[in-house]
PDB file of N, CA and C in Angstrom:
ATOM      1  N   MET A   1       0.852  -1.173   0.000  1.00  0.00           N
ATOM      2  CA  MET A   1       0.000   0.000   0.000  1.00  0.00           C
ATOM      3  C   MET A   1       0.895   1.233   0.000  1.00  0.00           C
ATOM      4  N   HIS A   2       0.495   2.217  -0.748  1.00  0.00           N
ATOM      5  CA  HIS A   2       1.281   3.439  -0.862  1.00  0.00           C
ATOM      6  C   HIS A   2       1.071   4.341   0.342  1.00  0.00           C
ATOM      7  N   GLY A   3       2.077   5.148   0.626  1.00  0.00           N
ATOM      8  CA  GLY A   3       2.022   6.061   1.749  1.00  0.00           C
ATOM      9  C   GLY A   3       0.868   7.025   1.702  1.00  0.00           C
ATOM     10  N   ARG A   4       0.492   7.457   0.500  1.00  0.00           N
ATOM     11  CA  ARG A   4      -0.608   8.424   0.376  1.00  0.00           C
ATOM     12  C   ARG A   4      -1.912   7.869   0.918  1.00  0.00           C
ATOM     13  N   GLU A   5      -2.204   6.597   0.654  1.00  0.00           N
ATOM     14  CA  GLU A   5      -3.444   6.000   1.144  1.00  0.00           C
ATOM     15  C   GLU A   5      -3.451   5.932   2.665  1.00  0.00           C
ATOM     16  N   LEU A   6      -2.289   5.700   3.236  1.00  0.00           N
ATOM     17  CA  LEU A   6      -2.203   5.536   4.682  1.00  0.00           C
ATOM     18  C   LEU A   6      -2.065   6.851   5.440  1.00  0.00           C
ATOM     19  N   ARG A   7      -1.678   7.921   4.747  1.00  0.00           N
ATOM     20  CA  ARG A   7      -1.476   9.207   5.431  1.00  0.00           C
ATOM     21  C   ARG A   7      -2.705   9.654   6.197  1.00  0.00           C
ATOM     22  N   GLY A   8      -3.875   9.464   5.603  1.00  0.00           N
ATOM     23  CA  GLY A   8      -5.111   9.866   6.256  1.00  0.00           C
ATOM     24  C   GLY A   8      -5.443   9.040   7.481  1.00  0.00           C
ATOM     25  N   LEU A   9      -4.760   7.924   7.632  1.00  0.00           N
ATOM     26  CA  LEU A   9      -5.010   7.059   8.782  1.00  0.00           C
ATOM     27  C   LEU A   9      -4.021   7.297   9.922  1.00  0.00           C
ATOM     28  N   LEU A  10      -3.130   8.255   9.744  1.00  0.00           N
ATOM     29  CA  LEU A  10      -2.162   8.532  10.811  1.00  0.00           C
ATOM     30  C   LEU A  10      -2.849   8.952  12.108  1.00  0.00           C
ATOM     31  N   HIS A  11      -3.926   9.723  12.013  1.00  0.00           N
ATOM     32  CA  HIS A  11      -4.626  10.161  13.227  1.00  0.00           C
ATOM     33  C   HIS A  11      -5.028   8.967  14.095  1.00  0.00           C
ATOM     34  N   PRO A  12      -5.836   8.034  13.554  1.00  0.00           N
ATOM     35  CA  PRO A  12      -6.242   6.926  14.428  1.00  0.00           C
ATOM     36  C   PRO A  12      -5.091   6.007  14.806  1.00  0.00           C
ATOM     37  N   PHE A  13      -4.132   5.817  13.897  1.00  0.00           N
ATOM     38  CA  PHE A  13      -3.002   4.950  14.229  1.00  0.00           C
ATOM     39  C   PHE A  13      -2.192   5.532  15.379  1.00  0.00           C
ATOM     40  N   LEU A  14      -1.926   6.832  15.322  1.00  0.00           N
ATOM     41  CA  LEU A  14      -1.169   7.467  16.404  1.00  0.00           C
ATOM     42  C   LEU A  14      -1.958   7.456  17.711  1.00  0.00           C
ATOM     43  N   LEU A  15      -3.257   7.736  17.638  1.00  0.00           N
ATOM     44  CA  LEU A  15      -4.074   7.680  18.853  1.00  0.00           C
ATOM     45  C   LEU A  15      -4.022   6.288  19.479  1.00  0.00           C
ATOM     46  N   LEU A  16      -4.110   5.258  18.648  1.00  0.00           N
ATOM     47  CA  LEU A  16      -4.052   3.885  19.149  1.00  0.00           C
ATOM     48  C   LEU A  16      -2.705   3.590  19.799  1.00  0.00           C
ATOM     49  N   LEU A  17      -1.625   3.943  19.113  1.00  0.00           N
ATOM     50  CA  LEU A  17      -0.297   3.672  19.662  1.00  0.00           C
ATOM     51  C   LEU A  17      -0.078   4.396  20.979  1.00  0.00           C
ATOM     52  N   ILE A  18      -0.566   5.635  21.067  1.00  0.00           N
ATOM     53  CA  ILE A  18      -0.396   6.407  22.296  1.00  0.00           C
ATOM     54  C   ILE A  18      -1.284   5.838  23.401  1.00  0.00           C
ATOM     55  N   LEU A  19      -2.467   5.334  23.054  1.00  0.00           N
ATOM     56  CA  LEU A  19      -3.310   4.665  24.039  1.00  0.00           C
ATOM     57  C   LEU A  19      -2.585   3.436  24.594  1.00  0.00           C
ATOM     58  N   GLU A  20      -1.993   2.652  23.690  1.00  0.00           N
ATOM     59  CA  GLU A  20      -1.275   1.446  24.124  1.00  0.00           C
ATOM     60  C   GLU A  20      -0.096   1.786  25.037  1.00  0.00           C
ATOM     61  N   ARG A  21       0.619   2.845  24.656  1.00  0.00           N
ATOM     62  CA  ARG A  21       1.786   3.254  25.445  1.00  0.00           C
ATOM     63  C   ARG A  21       2.218   4.642  24.999  1.00  0.00           C
ATOM     64  N   PRO A  22       2.202   5.622  25.911  1.00  0.00           N
ATOM     65  CA  PRO A  22       2.702   6.950  25.533  1.00  0.00           C
ATOM     66  C   PRO A  22       4.118   6.837  24.968  1.00  0.00           C
ATOM     67  N   GLY A  23       4.478   7.752  24.089  1.00  0.00           N
ATOM     68  CA  GLY A  23       5.810   7.698  23.498  1.00  0.00           C
ATOM     69  C   GLY A  23       6.195   9.013  22.875  1.00  0.00           C
ATOM     70  N   HIS A  24       7.464   9.123  22.528  1.00  0.00           N
ATOM     71  CA  HIS A  24       7.969  10.304  21.837  1.00  0.00           C
ATOM     72  C   HIS A  24       7.908  10.051  20.334  1.00  0.00           C
ATOM     73  N   GLY A  25       8.150  11.088  19.570  1.00  0.00           N
ATOM     74  CA  GLY A  25       7.978  11.037  18.124  1.00  0.00           C
ATOM     75  C   GLY A  25       8.657   9.880  17.426  1.00  0.00           C
ATOM     76  N   TYR A  26       9.967   9.709  17.640  1.00  0.00           N
ATOM     77  CA  TYR A  26      10.669   8.651  16.910  1.00  0.00           C
ATOM     78  C   TYR A  26      10.253   7.262  17.380  1.00  0.00           C
ATOM     79  N   ASP A  27       9.883   7.143  18.645  1.00  0.00           N
ATOM     80  CA  ASP A  27       9.337   5.874  19.141  1.00  0.00           C
ATOM     81  C   ASP A  27       8.045   5.559  18.410  1.00  0.00           C
ATOM     82  N   LEU A  28       7.176   6.565  18.276  1.00  0.00           N
ATOM     83  CA  LEU A  28       5.905   6.366  17.574  1.00  0.00           C
ATOM     84  C   LEU A  28       6.133   6.041  16.099  1.00  0.00           C
ATOM     85  N   ILE A  29       7.115   6.675  15.483  1.00  0.00           N
ATOM     86  CA  ILE A  29       7.430   6.389  14.078  1.00  0.00           C
ATOM     87  C   ILE A  29       7.904   4.946  13.932  1.00  0.00           C
ATOM     88  N   ASP A  30       8.757   4.484  14.834  1.00  0.00           N
ATOM     89  CA  ASP A  30       9.205   3.083  14.800  1.00  0.00           C
ATOM     90  C   ASP A  30       8.026   2.131  14.969  1.00  0.00           C
ATOM     91  N   ARG A  31       7.117   2.468  15.852  1.00  0.00           N
ATOM     92  CA  ARG A  31       5.957   1.617  16.086  1.00  0.00           C
ATOM     93  C   ARG A  31       4.993   1.646  14.898  1.00  0.00           C
ATOM     94  N   LEU A  32       4.887   2.779  14.219  1.00  0.00           N
ATOM     95  CA  LEU A  32       4.097   2.844  12.991  1.00  0.00           C
ATOM     96  C   LEU A  32       4.691   1.919  11.935  1.00  0.00           C
ATOM     97  N   ARG A  33       6.005   1.935  11.813  1.00  0.00           N
ATOM     98  CA  ARG A  33       6.668   1.052  10.832  1.00  0.00           C
ATOM     99  C   ARG A  33       6.399  -0.408  11.165  1.00  0.00           C
ATOM    100  N   ALA A  34       6.461  -0.745  12.453  1.00  0.00           N
ATOM    101  CA  ALA A  34       6.183  -2.120  12.873  1.00  0.00           C
ATOM    102  C   ALA A  34       4.722  -2.492  12.620  1.00  0.00           C
ATOM    103  N   MET A  35       3.859  -1.487  12.544  1.00  0.00           N
ATOM    104  CA  MET A  35       2.434  -1.692  12.311  1.00  0.00           C
ATOM    105  C   MET A  35       2.124  -1.852  10.821  1.00  0.00           C
ATOM    106  N   GLY A  36       3.134  -1.665   9.968  1.00  0.00           N
ATOM    107  CA  GLY A  36       2.932  -1.841   8.535  1.00  0.00           C
ATOM    108  C   GLY A  36       2.995  -0.568   7.728  1.00  0.00           C
ATOM    109  N   MET A  37       3.545   0.499   8.300  1.00  0.00           N
ATOM    110  CA  MET A  37       3.685   1.773   7.581  1.00  0.00           C
ATOM    111  C   MET A  37       5.179   2.086   7.429  1.00  0.00           C
ATOM    112  N   PRO A  38       5.873   1.392   6.527  1.00  0.00           N
ATOM    113  CA  PRO A  38       7.327   1.558   6.428  1.00  0.00           C
ATOM    114  C   PRO A  38       7.781   2.891   5.855  1.00  0.00           C
ATOM    115  N   ASP A  39       6.943   3.563   5.072  1.00  0.00           N
ATOM    116  CA  ASP A  39       7.371   4.780   4.384  1.00  0.00           C
ATOM    117  C   ASP A  39       6.860   6.054   5.042  1.00  0.00           C
ATOM    118  N   VAL A  40       6.576   5.987   6.328  1.00  0.00           N
ATOM    119  CA  VAL A  40       6.021   7.150   7.004  1.00  0.00           C
ATOM    120  C   VAL A  40       7.080   8.258   7.078  1.00  0.00           C
ATOM    121  N   GLU A  41       6.645   9.483   6.762  1.00  0.00           N
ATOM    122  CA  GLU A  41       7.551  10.633   6.782  1.00  0.00           C
ATOM    123  C   GLU A  41       7.551  11.252   8.181  1.00  0.00           C
ATOM    124  N   PRO A  42       8.697  11.337   8.835  1.00  0.00           N
ATOM    125  CA  PRO A  42       8.741  11.915  10.178  1.00  0.00           C
ATOM    126  C   PRO A  42       8.111  13.300  10.268  1.00  0.00           C
ATOM    127  N   GLY A  43       8.356  14.152   9.278  1.00  0.00           N
ATOM    128  CA  GLY A  43       7.778  15.490   9.299  1.00  0.00           C
ATOM    129  C   GLY A  43       6.268  15.461   9.327  1.00  0.00           C
ATOM    130  N   HIS A  44       5.681  14.543   8.575  1.00  0.00           N
ATOM    131  CA  HIS A  44       4.223  14.433   8.551  1.00  0.00           C
ATOM    132  C   HIS A  44       3.704  13.927   9.902  1.00  0.00           C
ATOM    133  N   VAL A  45       4.400  12.967  10.488  1.00  0.00           N
ATOM    134  CA  VAL A  45       3.992  12.452  11.801  1.00  0.00           C
ATOM    135  C   VAL A  45       3.993  13.576  12.824  1.00  0.00           C
ATOM    136  N   TYR A  46       5.047  14.386  12.821  1.00  0.00           N
ATOM    137  CA  TYR A  46       5.119  15.482  13.788  1.00  0.00           C
ATOM    138  C   TYR A  46       4.029  16.529  13.543  1.00  0.00           C
ATOM    139  N   ARG A  47       3.685  16.780  12.291  1.00  0.00           N
ATOM    140  CA  ARG A  47       2.587  17.717  12.002  1.00  0.00           C
ATOM    141  C   ARG A  47       1.266  17.171  12.539  1.00  0.00           C
ATOM    142  N   VAL A  48       1.035  15.872  12.346  1.00  0.00           N
ATOM    143  CA  VAL A  48      -0.194  15.259  12.856  1.00  0.00           C
ATOM    144  C   VAL A  48      -0.203  15.301  14.383  1.00  0.00           C
ATOM    145  N   LEU A  49       0.929  15.018  15.006  1.00  0.00           N
ATOM    146  CA  LEU A  49       1.000  15.073  16.470  1.00  0.00           C
ATOM    147  C   LEU A  49       0.696  16.480  16.984  1.00  0.00           C
ATOM    148  N   ARG A  50       1.235  17.489  16.320  1.00  0.00           N
ATOM    149  CA  ARG A  50       0.943  18.872  16.723  1.00  0.00           C
ATOM    150  C   ARG A  50      -0.546  19.180  16.560  1.00  0.00           C
ATOM    151  N   GLY A  51      -1.142  18.687  15.480  1.00  0.00           N
ATOM    152  CA  GLY A  51      -2.575  18.878  15.273  1.00  0.00           C
ATOM    153  C   GLY A  51      -3.400  18.179  16.344  1.00  0.00           C
ATOM    154  N   LEU A  52      -2.996  16.967  16.708  1.00  0.00           N
ATOM    155  CA  LEU A  52      -3.697  16.248  17.773  1.00  0.00           C
ATOM    156  C   LEU A  52      -3.569  16.981  19.101  1.00  0.00           C
ATOM    157  N   GLU A  53      -2.426  17.606  19.299  1.00  0.00           N
ATOM    158  CA  GLU A  53      -2.228  18.378  20.526  1.00  0.00           C
ATOM    159  C   GLU A  53      -3.086  19.650  20.506  1.00  0.00           C
ATOM    160  N   ARG A  54      -3.140  20.324  19.362  1.00  0.00           N
ATOM    161  CA  ARG A  54      -4.000  21.518  19.233  1.00  0.00           C
ATOM    162  C   ARG A  54      -5.460  21.171  19.483  1.00  0.00           C
ATOM    163  N   ASP A  55      -5.876  19.986  19.002  1.00  0.00           N
ATOM    164  CA  ASP A  55      -7.253  19.531  19.186  1.00  0.00           C
ATOM    165  C   ASP A  55      -7.507  18.992  20.595  1.00  0.00           C
ATOM    166  N   ARG A  56      -6.464  18.939  21.391  1.00  0.00           N
ATOM    167  CA  ARG A  56      -6.525  18.430  22.769  1.00  0.00           C
ATOM    168  C   ARG A  56      -6.822  16.934  22.845  1.00  0.00           C
ATOM    169  N   SER A  57      -6.447  16.205  21.791  1.00  0.00           N
ATOM    170  CA  SER A  57      -6.577  14.750  21.799  1.00  0.00           C
ATOM    171  C   SER A  57      -5.387  14.112  22.493  1.00  0.00           C
ATOM    172  N   VAL A  58      -4.253  14.795  22.437  1.00  0.00           N
ATOM    173  CA  VAL A  58      -3.051  14.357  23.149  1.00  0.00           C
ATOM    174  C   VAL A  58      -2.447  15.557  23.868  1.00  0.00           C
ATOM    175  N   ILE A  59      -1.654  15.260  24.855  1.00  0.00           N
ATOM    176  CA  ILE A  59      -0.829  16.282  25.497  1.00  0.00           C
ATOM    177  C   ILE A  59       0.606  15.803  25.400  1.00  0.00           C
ATOM    178  N   SER A  60       1.517  16.721  25.470  1.00  0.00           N
ATOM    179  CA  SER A  60       2.923  16.322  25.476  1.00  0.00           C
ATOM    180  C   SER A  60       3.585  16.893  26.715  1.00  0.00           C
ATOM    181  N   VAL A  61       4.489  16.119  27.247  1.00  0.00           N
ATOM    182  CA  VAL A  61       5.289  16.549  28.390  1.00  0.00           C
ATOM    183  C   VAL A  61       6.745  16.303  28.032  1.00  0.00           C
ATOM    184  N   TRP A  62       7.604  17.159  28.527  1.00  0.00           N
ATOM    185  CA  TRP A  62       9.021  16.992  28.255  1.00  0.00           C
ATOM    186  C   TRP A  62       9.568  15.879  29.134  1.00  0.00           C
ATOM    187  N   GLU A  63      10.187  14.921  28.507  1.00  0.00           N
ATOM    188  CA  GLU A  63      10.811  13.791  29.204  1.00  0.00           C
ATOM    189  C   GLU A  63      12.300  14.070  29.287  1.00  0.00           C
ATOM    190  N   THR A  64      12.803  14.183  30.490  1.00  0.00           N
ATOM    191  CA  THR A  64      14.225  14.518  30.658  1.00  0.00           C
ATOM    192  C   THR A  64      15.022  13.358  31.225  1.00  0.00           C
ATOM    193  N   THR A  65      14.378  12.240  31.514  1.00  0.00           N
ATOM    194  CA  THR A  65      15.102  11.089  32.048  1.00  0.00           C
ATOM    195  C   THR A  65      15.804  10.351  30.921  1.00  0.00           C
ATOM    196  N   GLY A  66      16.843   9.631  31.263  1.00  0.00           N
ATOM    197  CA  GLY A  66      17.574   8.848  30.274  1.00  0.00           C
ATOM    198  C   GLY A  66      18.652   9.668  29.594  1.00  0.00           C
ATOM    199  N   ALA A  67      19.365   8.998  28.728  1.00  0.00           N
ATOM    200  CA  ALA A  67      20.469   9.637  28.011  1.00  0.00           C
ATOM    201  C   ALA A  67      19.926  10.503  26.875  1.00  0.00           C
ATOM    202  N   GLY A  68      20.671  11.488  26.512  1.00  0.00           N
ATOM    203  CA  GLY A  68      20.306  12.318  25.372  1.00  0.00           C
ATOM    204  C   GLY A  68      19.484  13.520  25.773  1.00  0.00           C
ATOM    205  N   PRO A  69      19.095  14.289  24.763  1.00  0.00           N
ATOM    206  CA  PRO A  69      18.339  15.521  25.034  1.00  0.00           C
ATOM    207  C   PRO A  69      16.905  15.211  25.481  1.00  0.00           C
ATOM    208  N   ALA A  70      16.256  16.219  26.034  1.00  0.00           N
ATOM    209  CA  ALA A  70      14.855  16.091  26.428  1.00  0.00           C
ATOM    210  C   ALA A  70      13.996  15.857  25.183  1.00  0.00           C
ATOM    211  N   ARG A  71      12.936  15.069  25.355  1.00  0.00           N
ATOM    212  CA  ARG A  71      12.045  14.758  24.236  1.00  0.00           C
ATOM    213  C   ARG A  71      10.604  14.934  24.692  1.00  0.00           C
ATOM    214  N   ARG A  72       9.762  15.284  23.732  1.00  0.00           N
ATOM    215  CA  ARG A  72       8.330  15.369  24.029  1.00  0.00           C
ATOM    216  C   ARG A  72       7.762  13.962  24.060  1.00  0.00           C
ATOM    217  N   CYS A  73       7.075  13.658  25.133  1.00  0.00           N
ATOM    218  CA  CYS A  73       6.396  12.374  25.249  1.00  0.00           C
ATOM    219  C   CYS A  73       4.899  12.648  25.148  1.00  0.00           C
ATOM    220  N   TYR A  74       4.237  11.974  24.232  1.00  0.00           N
ATOM    221  CA  TYR A  74       2.827  12.203  23.962  1.00  0.00           C
ATOM    222  C   TYR A  74       1.964  11.226  24.753  1.00  0.00           C
ATOM    223  N   GLU A  75       0.901  11.784  25.356  1.00  0.00           N
ATOM    224  CA  GLU A  75      -0.046  11.006  26.142  1.00  0.00           C
ATOM    225  C   GLU A  75      -1.454  11.309  25.655  1.00  0.00           C
ATOM    226  N   LEU A  76      -2.328  10.310  25.721  1.00  0.00           N
ATOM    227  CA  LEU A  76      -3.702  10.464  25.280  1.00  0.00           C
ATOM    228  C   LEU A  76      -4.538  11.163  26.359  1.00  0.00           C
ATOM    229  N   THR A  77      -5.465  11.990  25.928  1.00  0.00           N
ATOM    230  CA  THR A  77      -6.403  12.650  26.833  1.00  0.00           C
ATOM    231  C   THR A  77      -7.749  11.927  26.749  1.00  0.00           C
ATOM    232  N   ALA A  78      -8.690  12.344  27.592  1.00  0.00           N
ATOM    233  CA  ALA A  78     -10.046  11.782  27.522  1.00  0.00           C
ATOM    234  C   ALA A  78     -10.660  12.062  26.150  1.00  0.00           C
ATOM    235  N   LYS A  79     -10.419  13.252  25.612  1.00  0.00           N
ATOM    236  CA  LYS A  79     -10.921  13.581  24.269  1.00  0.00           C
ATOM    237  C   LYS A  79     -10.285  12.664  23.229  1.00  0.00           C
ATOM    238  N   GLY A  80      -8.991  12.361  23.384  1.00  0.00           N
ATOM    239  CA  GLY A  80      -8.319  11.459  22.460  1.00  0.00           C
ATOM    240  C   GLY A  80      -8.909  10.060  22.487  1.00  0.00           C
ATOM    241  N   ARG A  81      -9.282   9.590  23.674  1.00  0.00           N
ATOM    242  CA  ARG A  81      -9.947   8.281  23.777  1.00  0.00           C
ATOM    243  C   ARG A  81     -11.282   8.314  23.025  1.00  0.00           C
ATOM    244  N   HIS A  82     -12.028   9.385  23.224  1.00  0.00           N
ATOM    245  CA  HIS A  82     -13.312   9.534  22.533  1.00  0.00           C
ATOM    246  C   HIS A  82     -13.097   9.581  21.020  1.00  0.00           C
ATOM    247  N   ASP A  83     -12.106  10.347  20.577  1.00  0.00           N
ATOM    248  CA  ASP A  83     -11.801  10.443  19.144  1.00  0.00           C
ATOM    249  C   ASP A  83     -11.430   9.075  18.575  1.00  0.00           C
ATOM    250  N   LEU A  84     -10.632   8.313  19.316  1.00  0.00           N
ATOM    251  CA  LEU A  84     -10.230   6.987  18.841  1.00  0.00           C
ATOM    252  C   LEU A  84     -11.445   6.062  18.743  1.00  0.00           C
ATOM    253  N   ARG A  85     -12.346   6.145  19.695  1.00  0.00           N
ATOM    254  CA  ARG A  85     -13.575   5.332  19.605  1.00  0.00           C
ATOM    255  C   ARG A  85     -14.358   5.695  18.340  1.00  0.00           C
ATOM    256  N   SER A  86     -14.473   6.989  18.054  1.00  0.00           N
ATOM    257  CA  SER A  86     -15.171   7.421  16.837  1.00  0.00           C
ATOM    258  C   SER A  86     -14.467   6.901  15.596  1.00  0.00           C
ATOM    259  N   TRP A  87     -13.139   6.975  15.588  1.00  0.00           N
ATOM    260  CA  TRP A  87     -12.365   6.471  14.461  1.00  0.00           C
ATOM    261  C   TRP A  87     -12.595   4.974  14.274  1.00  0.00           C
ATOM    262  N   THR A  88     -12.662   4.210  15.370  1.00  0.00           N
ATOM    263  CA  THR A  88     -12.812   2.761  15.218  1.00  0.00           C
ATOM    264  C   THR A  88     -14.149   2.419  14.575  1.00  0.00           C
ATOM    265  N   VAL A  89     -15.190   3.182  14.878  1.00  0.00           N
ATOM    266  CA  VAL A  89     -16.489   2.964  14.229  1.00  0.00           C
ATOM    267  C   VAL A  89     -16.364   3.240  12.732  1.00  0.00           C
ATOM    268  N   ARG A  90     -15.742   4.362  12.380  1.00  0.00           N
ATOM    269  CA  ARG A  90     -15.580   4.714  10.965  1.00  0.00           C
ATOM    270  C   ARG A  90     -14.684   3.714  10.241  1.00  0.00           C
ATOM    271  N   LEU A  91     -13.620   3.259  10.911  1.00  0.00           N
ATOM    272  CA  LEU A  91     -12.728   2.282  10.280  1.00  0.00           C
ATOM    273  C   LEU A  91     -13.422   0.938  10.087  1.00  0.00           C
ATOM    274  N   ALA A  92     -14.287   0.553  11.023  1.00  0.00           N
ATOM    275  CA  ALA A  92     -15.049  -0.692  10.856  1.00  0.00           C
ATOM    276  C   ALA A  92     -15.970  -0.582   9.651  1.00  0.00           C
ATOM    277  N   GLN A  93     -16.588   0.584   9.457  1.00  0.00           N
ATOM    278  CA  GLN A  93     -17.439   0.791   8.277  1.00  0.00           C
ATOM    279  C   GLN A  93     -16.610   0.744   6.999  1.00  0.00           C
ATOM    280  N   LEU A  94     -15.441   1.370   7.030  1.00  0.00           N
ATOM    281  CA  LEU A  94     -14.547   1.338   5.873  1.00  0.00           C
ATOM    282  C   LEU A  94     -14.110  -0.091   5.576  1.00  0.00           C
ATOM    283  N   ASP A  95     -13.834  -0.866   6.623  1.00  0.00           N
ATOM    284  CA  ASP A  95     -13.444  -2.261   6.463  1.00  0.00           C
ATOM    285  C   ASP A  95     -14.540  -3.044   5.740  1.00  0.00           C
ATOM    286  N   GLN A  96     -15.792  -2.780   6.073  1.00  0.00           N
ATOM    287  CA  GLN A  96     -16.905  -3.464   5.407  1.00  0.00           C
ATOM    288  C   GLN A  96     -16.983  -3.081   3.931  1.00  0.00           C
ATOM    289  N   VAL A  97     -16.816  -1.805   3.632  1.00  0.00           N
ATOM    290  CA  VAL A  97     -16.882  -1.343   2.241  1.00  0.00           C
ATOM    291  C   VAL A  97     -15.727  -1.940   1.432  1.00  0.00           C
ATOM    292  N   ILE A  98     -14.525  -1.912   2.000  1.00  0.00           N
ATOM    293  CA  ILE A  98     -13.363  -2.472   1.298  1.00  0.00           C
ATOM    294  C   ILE A  98     -13.540  -3.973   1.113  1.00  0.00           C
ATOM    295  N   GLY A  99     -14.034  -4.662   2.135  1.00  0.00           N
ATOM    296  CA  GLY A  99     -14.279  -6.103   2.020  1.00  0.00           C
ATOM    297  C   GLY A  99     -15.253  -6.417   0.900  1.00  0.00           C
ATOM    298  N   ALA A 100     -16.329  -5.639   0.816  1.00  0.00           N
ATOM    299  CA  ALA A 100     -17.309  -5.848  -0.256  1.00  0.00           C
ATOM    300  C   ALA A 100     -16.671  -5.613  -1.623  1.00  0.00           C
ATOM    301  N   CYS A 101     -15.859  -4.581  -1.724  1.00  0.00           N
ATOM    302  CA  CYS A 101     -15.171  -4.289  -2.990  1.00  0.00           C
ATOM    303  C   CYS A 101     -14.236  -5.437  -3.376  1.00  0.00           C
ATOM    304  N   LEU A 102     -13.482  -5.939  -2.420  1.00  0.00           N
ATOM    305  CA  LEU A 102     -12.544  -7.034  -2.703  1.00  0.00           C
ATOM    306  C   LEU A 102     -13.287  -8.306  -3.107  1.00  0.00           C
ATOM    307  N   ARG A 103     -14.400  -8.582  -2.444  1.00  0.00           N
ATOM    308  CA  ARG A 103     -15.183  -9.775  -2.818  1.00  0.00           C
ATOM    309  C   ARG A 103     -15.739  -9.634  -4.230  1.00  0.00           C
ATOM    310  N   ARG A 104     -16.247  -8.439  -4.558  1.00  0.00           N
ATOM    311  CA  ARG A 104     -16.779  -8.233  -5.912  1.00  0.00           C
ATOM    312  C   ARG A 104     -15.668  -8.329  -6.948  1.00  0.00           C
ATOM    313  N   ALA A 105     -14.520  -7.757  -6.650  1.00  0.00           N
ATOM    314  CA  ALA A 105     -13.400  -7.834  -7.595  1.00  0.00           C
ATOM    315  C   ALA A 105     -12.975  -9.282  -7.799  1.00  0.00           C
ATOM    316  N   ALA A 106     -12.894 -10.041  -6.708  1.00  0.00           N
ATOM    317  CA  ALA A 106     -12.518 -11.456  -6.832  1.00  0.00           C
ATOM    318  C   ALA A 106     -13.531 -12.199  -7.692  1.00  0.00           C
ATOM    319  N   GLY A 107     -14.816 -11.905  -7.482  1.00  0.00           N
ATOM    320  CA  GLY A 107     -15.849 -12.539  -8.301  1.00  0.00           C
ATOM    321  C   GLY A 107     -15.747 -12.138  -9.760  1.00  0.00           C
ATOM    322  N   ALA A 108     -15.464 -10.875 -10.009  1.00  0.00           N
ATOM    323  CA  ALA A 108     -15.342 -10.397 -11.388  1.00  0.00           C
ATOM    324  C   ALA A 108     -14.154 -11.044 -12.080  1.00  0.00           C
ATOM    325  N   PHE A 109     -13.033 -11.129 -11.373  1.00  0.00           N
ATOM    326  CA  PHE A 109     -11.859 -11.772 -11.974  1.00  0.00           C
ATOM    327  C   PHE A 109     -12.109 -13.257 -12.184  1.00  0.00           C
ATOM    328  N   GLU A 110     -12.794 -13.885 -11.271  1.00  0.00           N
ATOM    329  CA  GLU A 110     -13.115 -15.299 -11.409  1.00  0.00           C
ATOM    330  C   GLU A 110     -14.034 -15.515 -12.607  1.00  0.00           C
ATOM    331  N   GLY A 111     -14.979 -14.589 -12.802  1.00  0.00           N
ATOM    332  CA  GLY A 111     -15.892 -14.693 -13.940  1.00  0.00           C
ATOM    333  C   GLY A 111     -15.169 -14.587 -15.269  1.00  0.00           C
ATOM    334  N   THR A 112     -14.164 -13.728 -15.358  1.00  0.00           N
ATOM    335  CA  THR A 112     -13.424 -13.593 -16.618  1.00  0.00           C
ATOM    336  C   THR A 112     -12.569 -14.829 -16.858  1.00  0.00           C
ATOM    337  N   ARG A 113     -12.094 -15.453 -15.798  1.00  0.00           N
ATOM    338  CA  ARG A 113     -11.300 -16.677 -15.965  1.00  0.00           C
ATOM    339  C   ARG A 113     -12.185 -17.870 -16.298  1.00  0.00           C
ATOM    340  N   ALA A 114     -13.445 -17.796 -15.907  1.00  0.00           N
ATOM    341  CA  ALA A 114     -14.352 -18.922 -16.151  1.00  0.00           C
ATOM    342  C   ALA A 114     -14.938 -18.891 -17.561  1.00  0.00           C
ATOM    343  N   GLY A 115     -14.482 -17.970 -18.388  1.00  0.00           N
ATOM    344  CA  GLY A 115     -14.949 -17.946 -19.764  1.00  0.00           C
ATOM    345  C   GLY A 115     -16.154 -17.060 -19.994  1.00  0.00           C
ATOM    346  N   HIS A 116     -16.361 -16.087 -19.114  1.00  0.00           N
ATOM    347  CA  HIS A 116     -17.488 -15.174 -19.260  1.00  0.00           C
ATOM    348  C   HIS A 116     -17.010 -13.730 -19.371  1.00  0.00           C
ATOM    349  N   PRO A 117     -16.037 -13.473 -20.232  1.00  0.00           N
ATOM    350  CA  PRO A 117     -15.526 -12.105 -20.316  1.00  0.00           C
ATOM    351  C   PRO A 117     -16.552 -11.113 -20.844  1.00  0.00           C
ATOM    352  N   GLU A 118     -17.552 -11.590 -21.611  1.00  0.00           N
ATOM    353  CA  GLU A 118     -18.542 -10.671 -22.172  1.00  0.00           C
ATOM    354  C   GLU A 118     -19.370 -10.005 -21.076  1.00  0.00           C
ATOM    355  N   ARG A 119     -19.525 -10.657 -19.942  1.00  0.00           N
ATOM    356  CA  ARG A 119     -20.255 -10.085 -18.806  1.00  0.00           C
ATOM    357  C   ARG A 119     -19.632  -8.784 -18.311  1.00  0.00           C
ATOM    358  N   TYR A 120     -18.331  -8.741 -18.389  1.00  0.00           N
ATOM    359  CA  TYR A 120     -17.603  -7.629 -17.793  1.00  0.00           C
ATOM    360  C   TYR A 120     -17.034  -6.661 -18.819  1.00  0.00           C
ATOM    361  N   ALA A 121     -17.254  -6.972 -20.091  1.00  0.00           N
ATOM    362  CA  ALA A 121     -16.697  -6.110 -21.137  1.00  0.00           C
ATOM    363  C   ALA A 121     -17.287  -4.712 -21.074  1.00  0.00           C
ATOM    364  N   ALA A 122     -18.577  -4.595 -20.830  1.00  0.00           N
ATOM    365  CA  ALA A 122     -19.212  -3.271 -20.775  1.00  0.00           C
ATOM    366  C   ALA A 122     -18.659  -2.453 -19.608  1.00  0.00           C
ATOM    367  N   ALA A 123     -18.360  -3.095 -18.522  1.00  0.00           N
ATOM    368  CA  ALA A 123     -17.843  -2.387 -17.338  1.00  0.00           C
ATOM    369  C   ALA A 123     -16.441  -1.847 -17.576  1.00  0.00           C
ATOM    370  N   ARG A 124     -15.714  -2.478 -18.467  1.00  0.00           N
ATOM    371  CA  ARG A 124     -14.325  -2.038 -18.725  1.00  0.00           C
ATOM    372  C   ARG A 124     -14.268  -0.876 -19.713  1.00  0.00           C
ATOM    373  N   HIS A 125     -15.318  -0.623 -20.442  1.00  0.00           N
ATOM    374  CA  HIS A 125     -15.279   0.438 -21.470  1.00  0.00           C
ATOM    375  C   HIS A 125     -15.995   1.636 -21.046  1.00  0.00           C
TER     376      HIS A 125
END
């Protein structure tokens, strides 16, 4: 899947990851990659995080423990939990629509292989 299709899903993915465990930007980017988003752009992730913070879905606190410079650690708010619940409903609906599309496509391809290409010729033109 291309990065463009997944960019719009960064909001719910980040909310989910932060719900599972608060984290800083690069930690969240690594976890996004492990979730199946290998081409995520760090700049875009940080823009989305700032937007989530402006919307009060997440808060950030400076983490000064450990080696290295201080980092912003993102935590989910009550509003962020509510937003994630709303996203899960919408994603479940999207999952149903995509599933229906995939089943129809599989049937259409199966029909052309079964010797019925005339059925689908009008749809291709």
